[in-house]
């Protein structure tokens, strides 16, 4: 088994290659005017581990493919994920991302002085820039996937299959999951069950991880057949692990260290999000404890002290322990599927990624 430190070094190596490729291929897009260029590239400058591109490259290697051929797709997945973050931050009204400002918050602040806007005008400008930045990133992603044939010599049919998969299948799933997340926040706990939330997370987070695995395997095998047994195995494994990733992310979003996370702890509470750990705690709570949880959920001016008190209550009621066990079960299930692949360094890296997801603390 590969140690967590070695695994993270391997991920970091892929990030360097993906970042270099993105910088090299920026010329295929017209990032104009300057505010769009600054907005579209801002999250890349703030860092991030780039797990999805690494998973795609590991999946390519796990079926015997060469990572170099899959590099444009890895870069495309990173850009695709980034535009979803830009738009997700608008929907969630988040102000922090990767230790810096979210795009809409940054341009709200900057536009007030740059263009002498009123508070209302600055808010609108920030949102407009963020929406357009996400839009141009999505276009960039399609251009990067076309590099598979134009730069790496793979069959055009394969590039088209991946673009169609991402733009029709994954895109629809992600938007479904995103809106369900918003809608569940509007419903009482009694109307949202665990299976509802798992379905939503599978769409919102699991689908893109599943695509990363599927795309990497298809490129490695140079096939357009998404039903190939190895392709299906890796895609299912990555999707399950993607759901586990989000469950752990929800835990950290409630009880994690804000400085290490690089984003606000308690933002899910303020947005009224129904997560597994909150619904489980609500099920176990007394009537008085339920009122405390419900009173905090969706409270926009929730203080840090109030958020901490609710977090401690959720921990005491077993919400965190239950969610951790659920995430671990998904990872174990995924690892069981992964056993069907032949042994290799890349298979070990995928297994290490799965274990890392449920062990990470930020």
Foldseek 3Di string as FASTA:
>chain_A
DDDPVVLLVLLQVLLVVLVVVCVVPVVVADQDDPLLVCQLCVVVVLPDSLPLLSLLLLLLVLLPAHSVLCSLLSNLLVLLVVLVVLVLCVVLVFQWDSQHGRQLNVQLVVCCPVVVDDNVVSNVRSVVSSNVSSVRSNVVSLVSLCCSCVVVNADSLLSVLLCCCCVPPLVVLQVVLSVLQLVVLVDDLVVDDPVSNLSSQLSNFLSSQLSSSLSSNCSSVSHSDCVPLSSVLRSLLRSLLRSLLVLLVLLCLQPADCNVRRTHRCSQQLSSGDHQLLSQLCVQDDPVLVCLSVVSRNNNPQDPVSSNVNSVSSVVSCSSVVSLVSSVVSNVVSLVSLVVGDDDPSSVSSNSVSVCSSVDRD
